[in-house]
């Protein structure tokens, strides 16, 4: 991953859905910031939390899925696109950091790695 842009696409009181564009939009993933549970989880495009990957907003630690049927290294869709565990951690940590600084879900977070 050389870059990402996470854009807030919908919100309820405690649930905030992000569409994440990876590598200049070549891949797309979705994450949910749950401000009540204080976690960021993997999600589908509709905002349904898949919980294959989860990061604690408070500690920044990845929390593995308890479902033994779920592969937690990659969340891939049928065409091979998606987000790796390390990419999920980086994106989520940046969203969590902005949330902790401001107390509100950020509208967007961008990072470029060179």
PDB file of N, CA and C in Angstrom:
ATOM      1  N   UNK A   1       0.853  -1.170   0.000  1.00  0.00           N
ATOM      2  CA  UNK A   1       0.000   0.000   0.000  1.00  0.00           C
ATOM      3  C   UNK A   1       0.901   1.236   0.000  1.00  0.00           C
ATOM      4  N   UNK A   2       0.727   2.057  -0.980  1.00  0.00           N
ATOM      5  CA  UNK A   2       1.480   3.299  -1.050  1.00  0.00           C
ATOM      6  C   UNK A   2       0.676   4.482  -0.533  1.00  0.00           C
ATOM      7  N   UNK A   3      -0.635   4.374  -0.558  1.00  0.00           N
ATOM      8  CA  UNK A   3      -1.480   5.465  -0.080  1.00  0.00           C
ATOM      9  C   UNK A   3      -2.871   4.942   0.226  1.00  0.00           C
ATOM     10  N   UNK A   4      -3.617   5.760   0.997  1.00  0.00           N
ATOM     11  CA  UNK A   4      -5.022   5.459   1.191  1.00  0.00           C
ATOM     12  C   UNK A   4      -5.781   6.752   1.462  1.00  0.00           C
ATOM     13  N   UNK A   5      -7.060   6.706   1.162  1.00  0.00           N
ATOM     14  CA  UNK A   5      -7.979   7.785   1.509  1.00  0.00           C
ATOM     15  C   UNK A   5      -9.231   7.132   2.058  1.00  0.00           C
ATOM     16  N   UNK A   6      -9.552   7.421   3.314  1.00  0.00           N
ATOM     17  CA  UNK A   6     -10.758   6.891   3.957  1.00  0.00           C
ATOM     18  C   UNK A   6     -11.782   8.014   4.012  1.00  0.00           C
ATOM     19  N   UNK A   7     -12.915   7.825   3.363  1.00  0.00           N
ATOM     20  CA  UNK A   7     -13.961   8.835   3.292  1.00  0.00           C
ATOM     21  C   UNK A   7     -15.189   8.364   4.046  1.00  0.00           C
ATOM     22  N   UNK A   8     -15.692   9.217   4.930  1.00  0.00           N
ATOM     23  CA  UNK A   8     -16.922   8.921   5.662  1.00  0.00           C
ATOM     24  C   UNK A   8     -18.087   8.981   4.679  1.00  0.00           C
ATOM     25  N   UNK A   9     -18.824   7.863   4.542  1.00  0.00           N
ATOM     26  CA  UNK A   9     -19.924   7.830   3.568  1.00  0.00           C
ATOM     27  C   UNK A   9     -21.294   7.798   4.220  1.00  0.00           C
ATOM     28  N   UNK A  10     -21.378   7.376   5.479  1.00  0.00           N
ATOM     29  CA  UNK A  10     -22.660   7.444   6.187  1.00  0.00           C
ATOM     30  C   UNK A  10     -22.411   7.323   7.682  1.00  0.00           C
ATOM     31  N   UNK A  11     -23.357   7.871   8.449  1.00  0.00           N
ATOM     32  CA  UNK A  11     -23.241   7.845   9.908  1.00  0.00           C
ATOM     33  C   UNK A  11     -24.598   7.693  10.552  1.00  0.00           C
ATOM     34  N   UNK A  12     -24.600   6.996  11.677  1.00  0.00           N
ATOM     35  CA  UNK A  12     -25.712   7.041  12.614  1.00  0.00           C
ATOM     36  C   UNK A  12     -25.110   7.648  13.870  1.00  0.00           C
ATOM     37  N   UNK A  13     -25.818   7.614  14.964  1.00  0.00           N
ATOM     38  CA  UNK A  13     -25.298   8.220  16.183  1.00  0.00           C
ATOM     39  C   UNK A  13     -23.962   7.618  16.613  1.00  0.00           C
ATOM     40  N   UNK A  14     -23.831   6.285  16.544  1.00  0.00           N
ATOM     41  CA  UNK A  14     -22.596   5.652  17.007  1.00  0.00           C
ATOM     42  C   UNK A  14     -21.859   4.837  15.956  1.00  0.00           C
ATOM     43  N   UNK A  15     -22.390   4.700  14.766  1.00  0.00           N
ATOM     44  CA  UNK A  15     -21.780   3.874  13.728  1.00  0.00           C
ATOM     45  C   UNK A  15     -21.459   4.724  12.504  1.00  0.00           C
ATOM     46  N   UNK A  16     -20.188   4.663  12.058  1.00  0.00           N
ATOM     47  CA  UNK A  16     -19.715   5.518  10.975  1.00  0.00           C
ATOM     48  C   UNK A  16     -19.031   4.645   9.914  1.00  0.00           C
ATOM     49  N   UNK A  17     -19.591   4.634   8.708  1.00  0.00           N
ATOM     50  CA  UNK A  17     -19.084   3.798   7.619  1.00  0.00           C
ATOM     51  C   UNK A  17     -18.099   4.582   6.765  1.00  0.00           C
ATOM     52  N   UNK A  18     -16.932   3.980   6.552  1.00  0.00           N
ATOM     53  CA  UNK A  18     -15.898   4.566   5.698  1.00  0.00           C
ATOM     54  C   UNK A  18     -15.684   3.703   4.466  1.00  0.00           C
ATOM     55  N   UNK A  19     -15.552   4.376   3.319  1.00  0.00           N
ATOM     56  CA  UNK A  19     -15.086   3.715   2.089  1.00  0.00           C
ATOM     57  C   UNK A  19     -13.608   4.068   1.999  1.00  0.00           C
ATOM     58  N   UNK A  20     -12.772   3.059   1.881  1.00  0.00           N
ATOM     59  CA  UNK A  20     -11.325   3.255   1.875  1.00  0.00           C
ATOM     60  C   UNK A  20     -10.789   2.944   0.485  1.00  0.00           C
ATOM     61  N   UNK A  21     -10.157   3.953  -0.110  1.00  0.00           N
ATOM     62  CA  UNK A  21      -9.524   3.800  -1.415  1.00  0.00           C
ATOM     63  C   UNK A  21      -8.046   3.553  -1.173  1.00  0.00           C
ATOM     64  N   UNK A  22      -7.559   2.414  -1.630  1.00  0.00           N
ATOM     65  CA  UNK A  22      -6.168   2.013  -1.450  1.00  0.00           C
ATOM     66  C   UNK A  22      -5.430   2.124  -2.776  1.00  0.00           C
ATOM     67  N   UNK A  23      -4.164   2.524  -2.711  1.00  0.00           N
ATOM     68  CA  UNK A  23      -3.318   2.597  -3.905  1.00  0.00           C
ATOM     69  C   UNK A  23      -3.991   3.362  -5.036  1.00  0.00           C
ATOM     70  N   UNK A  24      -4.300   4.620  -4.781  1.00  0.00           N
ATOM     71  CA  UNK A  24      -4.899   5.520  -5.779  1.00  0.00           C
ATOM     72  C   UNK A  24      -6.238   5.009  -6.309  1.00  0.00           C
ATOM     73  N   UNK A  25      -6.988   4.346  -5.474  1.00  0.00           N
ATOM     74  CA  UNK A  25      -8.314   3.879  -5.870  1.00  0.00           C
ATOM     75  C   UNK A  25      -8.329   2.543  -6.579  1.00  0.00           C
ATOM     76  N   UNK A  26      -7.172   1.888  -6.679  1.00  0.00           N
ATOM     77  CA  UNK A  26      -7.105   0.590  -7.340  1.00  0.00           C
ATOM     78  C   UNK A  26      -7.831  -0.511  -6.578  1.00  0.00           C
ATOM     79  N   UNK A  27      -7.949  -0.331  -5.281  1.00  0.00           N
ATOM     80  CA  UNK A  27      -8.681  -1.271  -4.430  1.00  0.00           C
ATOM     81  C   UNK A  27      -9.553  -0.473  -3.479  1.00  0.00           C
ATOM     82  N   UNK A  28     -10.669  -1.073  -3.083  1.00  0.00           N
ATOM     83  CA  UNK A  28     -11.605  -0.410  -2.176  1.00  0.00           C
ATOM     84  C   UNK A  28     -11.988  -1.381  -1.066  1.00  0.00           C
ATOM     85  N   UNK A  29     -12.079  -0.862   0.147  1.00  0.00           N
ATOM     86  CA  UNK A  29     -12.521  -1.646   1.299  1.00  0.00           C
ATOM     87  C   UNK A  29     -13.464  -0.768   2.119  1.00  0.00           C
ATOM     88  N   UNK A  30     -14.133  -1.360   3.079  1.00  0.00           N
ATOM     89  CA  UNK A  30     -15.066  -0.630   3.938  1.00  0.00           C
ATOM     90  C   UNK A  30     -14.793  -0.965   5.397  1.00  0.00           C
ATOM     91  N   UNK A  31     -14.873   0.070   6.228  1.00  0.00           N
ATOM     92  CA  UNK A  31     -14.652  -0.071   7.666  1.00  0.00           C
ATOM     93  C   UNK A  31     -15.757   0.656   8.409  1.00  0.00           C
ATOM     94  N   UNK A  32     -16.050   0.203   9.616  1.00  0.00           N
ATOM     95  CA  UNK A  32     -17.017   0.882  10.474  1.00  0.00           C
ATOM     96  C   UNK A  32     -16.325   1.284  11.771  1.00  0.00           C
ATOM     97  N   UNK A  33     -16.427   2.575  12.089  1.00  0.00           N
ATOM     98  CA  UNK A  33     -16.012   3.085  13.390  1.00  0.00           C
ATOM     99  C   UNK A  33     -17.242   3.051  14.280  1.00  0.00           C
ATOM    100  N   UNK A  34     -17.194   2.213  15.304  1.00  0.00           N
ATOM    101  CA  UNK A  34     -18.295   2.103  16.263  1.00  0.00           C
ATOM    102  C   UNK A  34     -17.868   2.848  17.522  1.00  0.00           C
ATOM    103  N   UNK A  35     -18.407   4.063  17.695  1.00  0.00           N
ATOM    104  CA  UNK A  35     -17.977   4.910  18.808  1.00  0.00           C
ATOM    105  C   UNK A  35     -18.534   4.437  20.148  1.00  0.00           C
ATOM    106  N   UNK A  36     -19.596   3.668  20.132  1.00  0.00           N
ATOM    107  CA  UNK A  36     -20.134   3.127  21.384  1.00  0.00           C
ATOM    108  C   UNK A  36     -19.283   1.960  21.876  1.00  0.00           C
ATOM    109  N   UNK A  37     -18.969   1.020  20.986  1.00  0.00           N
ATOM    110  CA  UNK A  37     -18.140  -0.135  21.346  1.00  0.00           C
ATOM    111  C   UNK A  37     -16.650   0.217  21.355  1.00  0.00           C
ATOM    112  N   UNK A  38     -16.289   1.373  20.771  1.00  0.00           N
ATOM    113  CA  UNK A  38     -14.909   1.860  20.713  1.00  0.00           C
ATOM    114  C   UNK A  38     -14.010   0.907  19.929  1.00  0.00           C
ATOM    115  N   UNK A  39     -14.523   0.451  18.764  1.00  0.00           N
ATOM    116  CA  UNK A  39     -13.762  -0.413  17.870  1.00  0.00           C
ATOM    117  C   UNK A  39     -13.963   0.036  16.429  1.00  0.00           C
ATOM    118  N   UNK A  40     -13.025  -0.368  15.584  1.00  0.00           N
ATOM    119  CA  UNK A  40     -13.164  -0.235  14.138  1.00  0.00           C
ATOM    120  C   UNK A  40     -13.153  -1.651  13.597  1.00  0.00           C
ATOM    121  N   UNK A  41     -14.147  -1.971  12.771  1.00  0.00           N
ATOM    122  CA  UNK A  41     -14.260  -3.326  12.233  1.00  0.00           C
ATOM    123  C   UNK A  41     -14.325  -3.290  10.716  1.00  0.00           C
ATOM    124  N   UNK A  42     -13.961  -4.409  10.107  1.00  0.00           N
ATOM    125  CA  UNK A  42     -14.151  -4.562   8.671  1.00  0.00           C
ATOM    126  C   UNK A  42     -15.648  -4.646   8.401  1.00  0.00           C
ATOM    127  N   UNK A  43     -16.042  -4.231   7.202  1.00  0.00           N
ATOM    128  CA  UNK A  43     -17.463  -4.194   6.864  1.00  0.00           C
ATOM    129  C   UNK A  43     -17.647  -4.415   5.371  1.00  0.00           C
ATOM    130  N   UNK A  44     -18.906  -4.655   4.988  1.00  0.00           N
ATOM    131  CA  UNK A  44     -19.222  -4.699   3.569  1.00  0.00           C
ATOM    132  C   UNK A  44     -19.643  -3.292   3.129  1.00  0.00           C
ATOM    133  N   UNK A  45     -19.948  -3.134   1.861  1.00  0.00           N
ATOM    134  CA  UNK A  45     -20.271  -1.815   1.303  1.00  0.00           C
ATOM    135  C   UNK A  45     -21.528  -1.201   1.904  1.00  0.00           C
ATOM    136  N   UNK A  46     -22.402  -2.017   2.450  1.00  0.00           N
ATOM    137  CA  UNK A  46     -23.635  -1.518   3.065  1.00  0.00           C
ATOM    138  C   UNK A  46     -23.446  -1.156   4.541  1.00  0.00           C
ATOM    139  N   UNK A  47     -22.277  -1.430   5.078  1.00  0.00           N
ATOM    140  CA  UNK A  47     -22.005  -1.099   6.470  1.00  0.00           C
ATOM    141  C   UNK A  47     -22.250  -2.221   7.452  1.00  0.00           C
ATOM    142  N   UNK A  48     -22.531  -3.414   6.943  1.00  0.00           N
ATOM    143  CA  UNK A  48     -22.691  -4.573   7.823  1.00  0.00           C
ATOM    144  C   UNK A  48     -21.311  -5.011   8.307  1.00  0.00           C
ATOM    145  N   UNK A  49     -21.106  -5.003   9.599  1.00  0.00           N
ATOM    146  CA  UNK A  49     -19.810  -5.355  10.148  1.00  0.00           C
ATOM    147  C   UNK A  49     -19.537  -6.840   9.962  1.00  0.00           C
ATOM    148  N   UNK A  50     -18.416  -7.152   9.310  1.00  0.00           N
ATOM    149  CA  UNK A  50     -18.047  -8.550   9.102  1.00  0.00           C
ATOM    150  C   UNK A  50     -17.241  -9.080  10.274  1.00  0.00           C
ATOM    151  N   UNK A  51     -16.600  -8.185  11.006  1.00  0.00           N
ATOM    152  CA  UNK A  51     -15.777  -8.516  12.171  1.00  0.00           C
ATOM    153  C   UNK A  51     -14.660  -9.509  11.877  1.00  0.00           C
ATOM    154  N   UNK A  52     -14.255  -9.641  10.597  1.00  0.00           N
ATOM    155  CA  UNK A  52     -13.094 -10.477  10.325  1.00  0.00           C
ATOM    156  C   UNK A  52     -11.832  -9.825  10.847  1.00  0.00           C
ATOM    157  N   UNK A  53     -11.853  -8.494  10.886  1.00  0.00           N
ATOM    158  CA  UNK A  53     -10.744  -7.744  11.458  1.00  0.00           C
ATOM    159  C   UNK A  53     -11.334  -6.659  12.353  1.00  0.00           C
ATOM    160  N   UNK A  54     -10.683  -6.443  13.493  1.00  0.00           N
ATOM    161  CA  UNK A  54     -11.201  -5.468  14.453  1.00  0.00           C
ATOM    162  C   UNK A  54     -10.027  -4.821  15.196  1.00  0.00           C
ATOM    163  N   UNK A  55     -10.108  -3.506  15.382  1.00  0.00           N
ATOM    164  CA  UNK A  55      -9.072  -2.776  16.093  1.00  0.00           C
ATOM    165  C   UNK A  55      -9.710  -1.979  17.219  1.00  0.00           C
ATOM    166  N   UNK A  56      -9.129  -2.056  18.406  1.00  0.00           N
ATOM    167  CA  UNK A  56      -9.604  -1.300  19.559  1.00  0.00           C
ATOM    168  C   UNK A  56      -9.202   0.167  19.393  1.00  0.00           C
ATOM    169  N   UNK A  57     -10.156   1.079  19.492  1.00  0.00           N
ATOM    170  CA  UNK A  57      -9.858   2.511  19.403  1.00  0.00           C
ATOM    171  C   UNK A  57      -8.989   2.928  20.579  1.00  0.00           C
ATOM    172  N   UNK A  58      -9.249   2.387  21.751  1.00  0.00           N
ATOM    173  CA  UNK A  58      -8.522   2.772  22.965  1.00  0.00           C
ATOM    174  C   UNK A  58      -7.070   2.306  22.958  1.00  0.00           C
ATOM    175  N   UNK A  59      -6.849   1.025  22.687  1.00  0.00           N
ATOM    176  CA  UNK A  59      -5.497   0.471  22.798  1.00  0.00           C
ATOM    177  C   UNK A  59      -4.738   0.451  21.478  1.00  0.00           C
ATOM    178  N   UNK A  60      -5.461   0.480  20.360  1.00  0.00           N
ATOM    179  CA  UNK A  60      -4.816   0.359  19.058  1.00  0.00           C
ATOM    180  C   UNK A  60      -4.445  -1.061  18.705  1.00  0.00           C
ATOM    181  N   UNK A  61      -4.860  -2.013  19.523  1.00  0.00           N
ATOM    182  CA  UNK A  61      -4.525  -3.418  19.293  1.00  0.00           C
ATOM    183  C   UNK A  61      -5.536  -4.077  18.368  1.00  0.00           C
ATOM    184  N   UNK A  62      -5.013  -4.951  17.512  1.00  0.00           N
ATOM    185  CA  UNK A  62      -5.882  -5.775  16.680  1.00  0.00           C
ATOM    186  C   UNK A  62      -6.473  -6.859  17.553  1.00  0.00           C
ATOM    187  N   UNK A  63      -7.749  -7.127  17.334  1.00  0.00           N
ATOM    188  CA  UNK A  63      -8.431  -8.171  18.085  1.00  0.00           C
ATOM    189  C   UNK A  63      -8.901  -9.216  17.087  1.00  0.00           C
ATOM    190  N   UNK A  64      -8.420 -10.453  17.217  1.00  0.00           N
ATOM    191  CA  UNK A  64      -8.779 -11.479  16.240  1.00  0.00           C
ATOM    192  C   UNK A  64     -10.241 -11.885  16.341  1.00  0.00           C
ATOM    193  N   UNK A  65     -10.752 -12.364  15.234  1.00  0.00           N
ATOM    194  CA  UNK A  65     -12.111 -12.890  15.217  1.00  0.00           C
ATOM    195  C   UNK A  65     -12.163 -14.162  16.056  1.00  0.00           C
ATOM    196  N   UNK A  66     -13.291 -14.391  16.699  1.00  0.00           N
ATOM    197  CA  UNK A  66     -13.466 -15.620  17.473  1.00  0.00           C
ATOM    198  C   UNK A  66     -14.081 -16.723  16.629  1.00  0.00           C
ATOM    199  N   UNK A  67     -14.426 -16.419  15.387  1.00  0.00           N
ATOM    200  CA  UNK A  67     -15.026 -17.405  14.491  1.00  0.00           C
ATOM    201  C   UNK A  67     -13.913 -18.175  13.771  1.00  0.00           C
ATOM    202  N   UNK A  68     -13.773 -19.486  14.020  1.00  0.00           N
ATOM    203  CA  UNK A  68     -12.681 -20.250  13.409  1.00  0.00           C
ATOM    204  C   UNK A  68     -12.817 -20.397  11.894  1.00  0.00           C
ATOM    205  N   UNK A  69     -13.981 -20.129  11.343  1.00  0.00           N
ATOM    206  CA  UNK A  69     -14.185 -20.235   9.900  1.00  0.00           C
ATOM    207  C   UNK A  69     -13.688 -19.004   9.149  1.00  0.00           C
ATOM    208  N   UNK A  70     -13.389 -17.932   9.860  1.00  0.00           N
ATOM    209  CA  UNK A  70     -12.998 -16.680   9.220  1.00  0.00           C
ATOM    210  C   UNK A  70     -11.486 -16.620   9.092  1.00  0.00           C
ATOM    211  N   UNK A  71     -11.027 -16.372   7.876  1.00  0.00           N
ATOM    212  CA  UNK A  71      -9.606 -16.114   7.656  1.00  0.00           C
ATOM    213  C   UNK A  71      -9.348 -14.661   8.003  1.00  0.00           C
ATOM    214  N   UNK A  72      -8.377 -14.396   8.847  1.00  0.00           N
ATOM    215  CA  UNK A  72      -8.146 -13.022   9.276  1.00  0.00           C
ATOM    216  C   UNK A  72      -6.932 -12.377   8.609  1.00  0.00           C
ATOM    217  N   UNK A  73      -6.293 -13.051   7.650  1.00  0.00           N
ATOM    218  CA  UNK A  73      -5.149 -12.408   7.011  1.00  0.00           C
ATOM    219  C   UNK A  73      -5.591 -11.439   5.923  1.00  0.00           C
ATOM    220  N   UNK A  74      -6.613 -11.791   5.165  1.00  0.00           N
ATOM    221  CA  UNK A  74      -7.112 -10.920   4.105  1.00  0.00           C
ATOM    222  C   UNK A  74      -8.618 -10.963   4.075  1.00  0.00           C
ATOM    223  N   UNK A  75      -9.201  -9.845   3.718  1.00  0.00           N
ATOM    224  CA  UNK A  75     -10.617  -9.812   3.408  1.00  0.00           C
ATOM    225  C   UNK A  75     -10.688  -9.448   1.938  1.00  0.00           C
ATOM    226  N   UNK A  76     -10.948 -10.413   1.103  1.00  0.00           N
ATOM    227  CA  UNK A  76     -10.924 -10.204  -0.339  1.00  0.00           C
ATOM    228  C   UNK A  76     -12.302 -10.429  -0.929  1.00  0.00           C
ATOM    229  N   UNK A  77     -12.614  -9.652  -1.954  1.00  0.00           N
ATOM    230  CA  UNK A  77     -13.841  -9.926  -2.681  1.00  0.00           C
ATOM    231  C   UNK A  77     -13.513 -10.842  -3.853  1.00  0.00           C
ATOM    232  N   UNK A  78     -14.488 -11.145  -4.689  1.00  0.00           N
ATOM    233  CA  UNK A  78     -14.327 -12.158  -5.715  1.00  0.00           C
ATOM    234  C   UNK A  78     -13.257 -11.834  -6.753  1.00  0.00           C
ATOM    235  N   UNK A  79     -12.979 -10.557  -6.998  1.00  0.00           N
ATOM    236  CA  UNK A  79     -11.985 -10.214  -8.011  1.00  0.00           C
ATOM    237  C   UNK A  79     -10.583 -10.029  -7.431  1.00  0.00           C
ATOM    238  N   UNK A  80     -10.368 -10.437  -6.174  1.00  0.00           N
ATOM    239  CA  UNK A  80      -9.041 -10.392  -5.581  1.00  0.00           C
ATOM    240  C   UNK A  80      -8.664  -9.055  -4.971  1.00  0.00           C
ATOM    241  N   UNK A  81      -9.568  -8.119  -4.986  1.00  0.00           N
ATOM    242  CA  UNK A  81      -9.288  -6.824  -4.378  1.00  0.00           C
ATOM    243  C   UNK A  81      -9.698  -6.866  -2.923  1.00  0.00           C
ATOM    244  N   UNK A  82      -9.269  -5.913  -2.149  1.00  0.00           N
ATOM    245  CA  UNK A  82      -9.641  -5.866  -0.744  1.00  0.00           C
ATOM    246  C   UNK A  82      -8.533  -5.270   0.076  1.00  0.00           C
ATOM    247  N   UNK A  83      -8.493  -5.632   1.334  1.00  0.00           N
ATOM    248  CA  UNK A  83      -7.554  -5.041   2.274  1.00  0.00           C
ATOM    249  C   UNK A  83      -6.860  -6.141   3.067  1.00  0.00           C
ATOM    250  N   UNK A  84      -5.541  -5.991   3.242  1.00  0.00           N
ATOM    251  CA  UNK A  84      -4.804  -6.963   4.050  1.00  0.00           C
ATOM    252  C   UNK A  84      -4.930  -6.580   5.523  1.00  0.00           C
ATOM    253  N   UNK A  85      -4.521  -7.472   6.369  1.00  0.00           N
ATOM    254  CA  UNK A  85      -4.561  -7.222   7.816  1.00  0.00           C
ATOM    255  C   UNK A  85      -3.690  -6.016   8.177  1.00  0.00           C
ATOM    256  N   UNK A  86      -2.500  -5.928   7.612  1.00  0.00           N
ATOM    257  CA  UNK A  86      -1.600  -4.802   7.904  1.00  0.00           C
ATOM    258  C   UNK A  86      -2.188  -3.484   7.386  1.00  0.00           C
ATOM    259  N   UNK A  87      -2.771  -3.507   6.212  1.00  0.00           N
ATOM    260  CA  UNK A  87      -3.416  -2.301   5.683  1.00  0.00           C
ATOM    261  C   UNK A  87      -4.590  -1.882   6.570  1.00  0.00           C
ATOM    262  N   UNK A  88      -5.375  -2.862   6.997  1.00  0.00           N
ATOM    263  CA  UNK A  88      -6.489  -2.580   7.892  1.00  0.00           C
ATOM    264  C   UNK A  88      -5.990  -1.906   9.169  1.00  0.00           C
ATOM    265  N   UNK A  89      -4.908  -2.417   9.728  1.00  0.00           N
ATOM    266  CA  UNK A  89      -4.350  -1.863  10.955  1.00  0.00           C
ATOM    267  C   UNK A  89      -3.914  -0.416  10.754  1.00  0.00           C
ATOM    268  N   UNK A  90      -3.216  -0.136   9.665  1.00  0.00           N
ATOM    269  CA  UNK A  90      -2.738   1.226   9.404  1.00  0.00           C
ATOM    270  C   UNK A  90      -3.886   2.206   9.199  1.00  0.00           C
ATOM    271  N   UNK A  91      -4.839   1.822   8.363  1.00  0.00           N
ATOM    272  CA  UNK A  91      -5.976   2.703   8.085  1.00  0.00           C
ATOM    273  C   UNK A  91      -6.780   2.940   9.365  1.00  0.00           C
ATOM    274  N   UNK A  92      -7.081   1.867  10.083  1.00  0.00           N
ATOM    275  CA  UNK A  92      -7.879   1.972  11.306  1.00  0.00           C
ATOM    276  C   UNK A  92      -7.184   2.808  12.362  1.00  0.00           C
ATOM    277  N   UNK A  93      -5.879   2.633  12.517  1.00  0.00           N
ATOM    278  CA  UNK A  93      -5.139   3.402  13.512  1.00  0.00           C
ATOM    279  C   UNK A  93      -5.190   4.899  13.198  1.00  0.00           C
ATOM    280  N   UNK A  94      -5.138   5.243  11.925  1.00  0.00           N
ATOM    281  CA  UNK A  94      -5.220   6.652  11.545  1.00  0.00           C
ATOM    282  C   UNK A  94      -6.610   7.228  11.778  1.00  0.00           C
ATOM    283  N   UNK A  95      -7.646   6.461  11.456  1.00  0.00           N
ATOM    284  CA  UNK A  95      -9.020   6.915  11.738  1.00  0.00           C
ATOM    285  C   UNK A  95      -9.213   7.067  13.245  1.00  0.00           C
ATOM    286  N   UNK A  96      -8.771   6.075  14.008  1.00  0.00           N
ATOM    287  CA  UNK A  96      -8.910   6.120  15.471  1.00  0.00           C
ATOM    288  C   UNK A  96      -8.176   7.315  16.052  1.00  0.00           C
ATOM    289  N   UNK A  97      -6.983   7.595  15.566  1.00  0.00           N
ATOM    290  CA  UNK A  97      -6.209   8.727  16.063  1.00  0.00           C
ATOM    291  C   UNK A  97      -6.929  10.051  15.842  1.00  0.00           C
ATOM    292  N   UNK A  98      -7.497  10.229  14.663  1.00  0.00           N
ATOM    293  CA  UNK A  98      -8.245  11.450  14.373  1.00  0.00           C
ATOM    294  C   UNK A  98      -9.498  11.548  15.244  1.00  0.00           C
ATOM    295  N   UNK A  99     -10.165  10.409  15.430  1.00  0.00           N
ATOM    296  CA  UNK A  99     -11.357  10.385  16.284  1.00  0.00           C
ATOM    297  C   UNK A  99     -11.003  10.763  17.719  1.00  0.00           C
ATOM    298  N   UNK A 100      -9.920  10.198  18.245  1.00  0.00           N
ATOM    299  CA  UNK A 100      -9.519  10.488  19.625  1.00  0.00           C
ATOM    300  C   UNK A 100      -9.109  11.954  19.801  1.00  0.00           C
ATOM    301  N   UNK A 101      -8.503  12.557  18.781  1.00  0.00           N
ATOM    302  CA  UNK A 101      -8.107  13.968  18.861  1.00  0.00           C
ATOM    303  C   UNK A 101      -9.306  14.904  18.874  1.00  0.00           C
ATOM    304  N   UNK A 102     -10.278  14.625  18.010  1.00  0.00           N
ATOM    305  CA  UNK A 102     -11.385  15.565  17.821  1.00  0.00           C
ATOM    306  C   UNK A 102     -12.649  15.202  18.605  1.00  0.00           C
ATOM    307  N   UNK A 103     -12.809  13.924  18.941  1.00  0.00           N
ATOM    308  CA  UNK A 103     -14.023  13.477  19.615  1.00  0.00           C
ATOM    309  C   UNK A 103     -15.183  13.240  18.665  1.00  0.00           C
ATOM    310  N   UNK A 104     -14.949  13.427  17.368  1.00  0.00           N
ATOM    311  CA  UNK A 104     -15.977  13.156  16.360  1.00  0.00           C
ATOM    312  C   UNK A 104     -15.365  12.315  15.241  1.00  0.00           C
ATOM    313  N   UNK A 105     -16.230  11.623  14.520  1.00  0.00           N
ATOM    314  CA  UNK A 105     -15.760  10.805  13.397  1.00  0.00           C
ATOM    315  C   UNK A 105     -15.217  11.728  12.304  1.00  0.00           C
ATOM    316  N   UNK A 106     -13.965  11.512  11.869  1.00  0.00           N
ATOM    317  CA  UNK A 106     -13.414  12.388  10.831  1.00  0.00           C
ATOM    318  C   UNK A 106     -14.129  12.197   9.495  1.00  0.00           C
ATOM    319  N   UNK A 107     -14.265  13.282   8.748  1.00  0.00           N
ATOM    320  CA  UNK A 107     -14.894  13.227   7.419  1.00  0.00           C
ATOM    321  C   UNK A 107     -14.032  12.443   6.438  1.00  0.00           C
ATOM    322  N   UNK A 108     -12.726  12.553   6.594  1.00  0.00           N
ATOM    323  CA  UNK A 108     -11.796  11.850   5.710  1.00  0.00           C
ATOM    324  C   UNK A 108     -10.420  11.834   6.304  1.00  0.00           C
ATOM    325  N   UNK A 109      -9.656  10.794   5.976  1.00  0.00           N
ATOM    326  CA  UNK A 109      -8.284  10.663   6.426  1.00  0.00           C
ATOM    327  C   UNK A 109      -7.478  10.155   5.238  1.00  0.00           C
ATOM    328  N   UNK A 110      -6.387  10.855   4.928  1.00  0.00           N
ATOM    329  CA  UNK A 110      -5.534  10.452   3.805  1.00  0.00           C
ATOM    330  C   UNK A 110      -4.106  10.308   4.289  1.00  0.00           C
ATOM    331  N   UNK A 111      -3.408   9.319   3.762  1.00  0.00           N
ATOM    332  CA  UNK A 111      -1.985   9.120   4.050  1.00  0.00           C
ATOM    333  C   UNK A 111      -1.294   8.665   2.776  1.00  0.00           C
ATOM    334  N   UNK A 112      -0.090   9.187   2.592  1.00  0.00           N
ATOM    335  CA  UNK A 112       0.721   8.810   1.453  1.00  0.00           C
ATOM    336  C   UNK A 112       2.055   8.308   1.968  1.00  0.00           C
ATOM    337  N   UNK A 113       2.435   7.115   1.542  1.00  0.00           N
ATOM    338  CA  UNK A 113       3.680   6.522   1.957  1.00  0.00           C
ATOM    339  C   UNK A 113       4.600   6.502   0.749  1.00  0.00           C
ATOM    340  N   UNK A 114       5.821   6.914   0.914  1.00  0.00           N
ATOM    341  CA  UNK A 114       6.714   7.010  -0.238  1.00  0.00           C
ATOM    342  C   UNK A 114       7.879   6.173  -0.088  1.00  0.00           C
TER     343      UNK A 114
END
